[in-house]
């Protein structure tokens, strides 16, 4: 099971984590892992390209964690929210279609 956690602070997404494997096919051939990985890594890439301060992140086998940096101005925060809410929509759509392989958890504080 792939577990995706999206963390909000107020109305803003401030971080996300993706961990695990779908187990549908061998490593490197699993379409569910590939789909989730593509969405998560594209969000990370979008943040890295579009924000003036780089996001904090860690990527390992079966693990990706990303957190927005402290001190983003309003313009950067708006860009980040567009990128991250689009990622959330993609993850939600995949969970709805493939609930046996992908679990999405949204945490609000």
Protein backbone atom coordinates (compact mmCIF):
# COMPACT_ATOMS: atom_id res chain seq x y z
CA UNK A 1 0.00 0.00 0.00
CA UNK A 2 1.24 3.47 -0.89
CA UNK A 3 0.49 5.97 1.87
CA UNK A 4 0.23 9.65 1.00
CA UNK A 5 -0.08 12.22 3.80
CA UNK A 6 -0.83 15.86 3.12
CA UNK A 7 -0.46 18.28 6.01
CA UNK A 8 -2.31 21.57 6.27
CA UNK A 9 -1.73 24.49 8.57
CA UNK A 10 -4.89 26.53 8.47
CA UNK A 11 -5.90 26.67 4.81
CA UNK A 12 -2.41 26.05 3.45
CA UNK A 13 -0.70 22.80 2.57
CA UNK A 14 2.69 22.94 4.29
CA UNK A 15 4.07 19.44 3.66
CA UNK A 16 3.48 16.03 2.18
CA UNK A 17 4.92 12.54 2.50
CA UNK A 18 4.69 9.52 0.25
CA UNK A 19 5.84 6.12 1.45
CA UNK A 20 5.53 2.47 0.60
CA UNK A 21 4.93 0.40 -2.47
CA UNK A 22 1.70 -0.72 -4.09
CA UNK A 23 2.85 -4.29 -4.49
CA UNK A 24 0.96 -4.67 -7.76
CA UNK A 25 4.04 -5.59 -9.80
CA UNK A 26 7.81 -5.94 -9.31
CA UNK A 27 9.82 -2.81 -8.52
CA UNK A 28 10.28 -0.72 -11.65
CA UNK A 29 7.17 -2.18 -13.29
CA UNK A 30 4.42 -1.10 -10.89
CA UNK A 31 2.08 1.36 -12.60
CA UNK A 32 0.55 2.54 -9.32
CA UNK A 33 3.94 3.35 -7.80
CA UNK A 34 4.96 5.07 -11.01
CA UNK A 35 1.82 7.22 -11.08
CA UNK A 36 2.09 8.34 -7.45
CA UNK A 37 5.82 8.93 -7.80
CA UNK A 38 5.35 11.03 -10.93
CA UNK A 39 2.75 13.26 -9.28
CA UNK A 40 4.78 13.72 -6.08
CA UNK A 41 8.08 14.34 -7.84
CA UNK A 42 6.45 16.76 -10.29
CA UNK A 43 5.07 18.74 -7.33
CA UNK A 44 8.54 18.83 -5.75
CA UNK A 45 10.07 19.92 -9.05
CA UNK A 46 7.41 22.62 -9.50
CA UNK A 47 8.13 23.99 -6.02
CA UNK A 48 11.88 23.92 -6.63
CA UNK A 49 11.56 25.80 -9.92
CA UNK A 50 8.94 28.36 -8.92
CA UNK A 51 9.77 29.37 -5.34
CA UNK A 52 12.48 31.83 -4.37
CA UNK A 53 13.37 29.63 -1.35
CA UNK A 54 13.91 25.92 -1.99
CA UNK A 55 11.57 23.44 -0.26
CA UNK A 56 13.01 21.07 2.31
CA UNK A 57 12.85 17.50 1.01
CA UNK A 58 14.15 13.99 1.37
CA UNK A 59 13.93 11.26 -1.26
CA UNK A 60 14.82 7.62 -0.67
CA UNK A 61 13.63 4.28 -2.01
CA UNK A 62 9.90 4.17 -1.31
CA UNK A 63 9.94 7.52 0.51
CA UNK A 64 9.51 11.16 -0.42
CA UNK A 65 8.97 13.95 2.08
CA UNK A 66 8.61 17.64 1.25
CA UNK A 67 8.02 20.67 3.46
CA UNK A 68 7.60 24.29 2.50
CA UNK A 69 10.37 26.46 3.90
CA UNK A 70 9.75 29.10 6.55
CA UNK A 71 9.60 32.69 5.39
CA UNK A 72 7.79 32.38 2.07
CA UNK A 73 6.30 35.66 0.91
CA UNK A 74 2.67 35.84 -0.20
CA UNK A 75 3.48 35.40 -3.89
CA UNK A 76 5.56 32.26 -3.26
CA UNK A 77 2.91 30.86 -0.91
CA UNK A 78 0.24 31.34 -3.58
CA UNK A 79 2.40 29.56 -6.15
CA UNK A 80 3.08 26.75 -3.69
CA UNK A 81 -0.63 26.29 -2.96
CA UNK A 82 -1.49 26.02 -6.66
CA UNK A 83 1.18 23.35 -7.12
CA UNK A 84 0.33 21.45 -3.93
CA UNK A 85 -3.46 21.58 -4.35
CA UNK A 86 -3.05 20.23 -7.88
CA UNK A 87 -0.91 17.40 -6.45
CA UNK A 88 -3.59 16.73 -3.83
CA UNK A 89 -6.29 16.54 -6.53
CA UNK A 90 -4.19 14.03 -8.49
CA UNK A 91 -3.55 11.88 -5.42
CA UNK A 92 -7.25 11.96 -4.49
CA UNK A 93 -8.26 10.88 -8.00
CA UNK A 94 -5.77 8.00 -7.90
CA UNK A 95 -6.98 6.91 -4.46
CA UNK A 96 -10.59 6.92 -5.63
CA UNK A 97 -9.72 4.82 -8.68
CA UNK A 98 -7.20 2.48 -7.00
CA UNK A 99 -8.16 2.34 -3.32
CA UNK A 100 -6.60 -1.12 -2.91
CA UNK A 101 -3.16 0.34 -3.65
CA UNK A 102 -3.20 4.01 -2.59
CA UNK A 103 -4.31 5.57 0.70
CA UNK A 104 -4.52 9.35 1.08
CA UNK A 105 -4.64 10.99 4.51
CA UNK A 106 -5.17 14.74 4.95
CA UNK A 107 -4.16 16.23 8.28
CA UNK A 108 -5.31 19.67 9.35
CA UNK A 109 -3.98 21.71 12.24
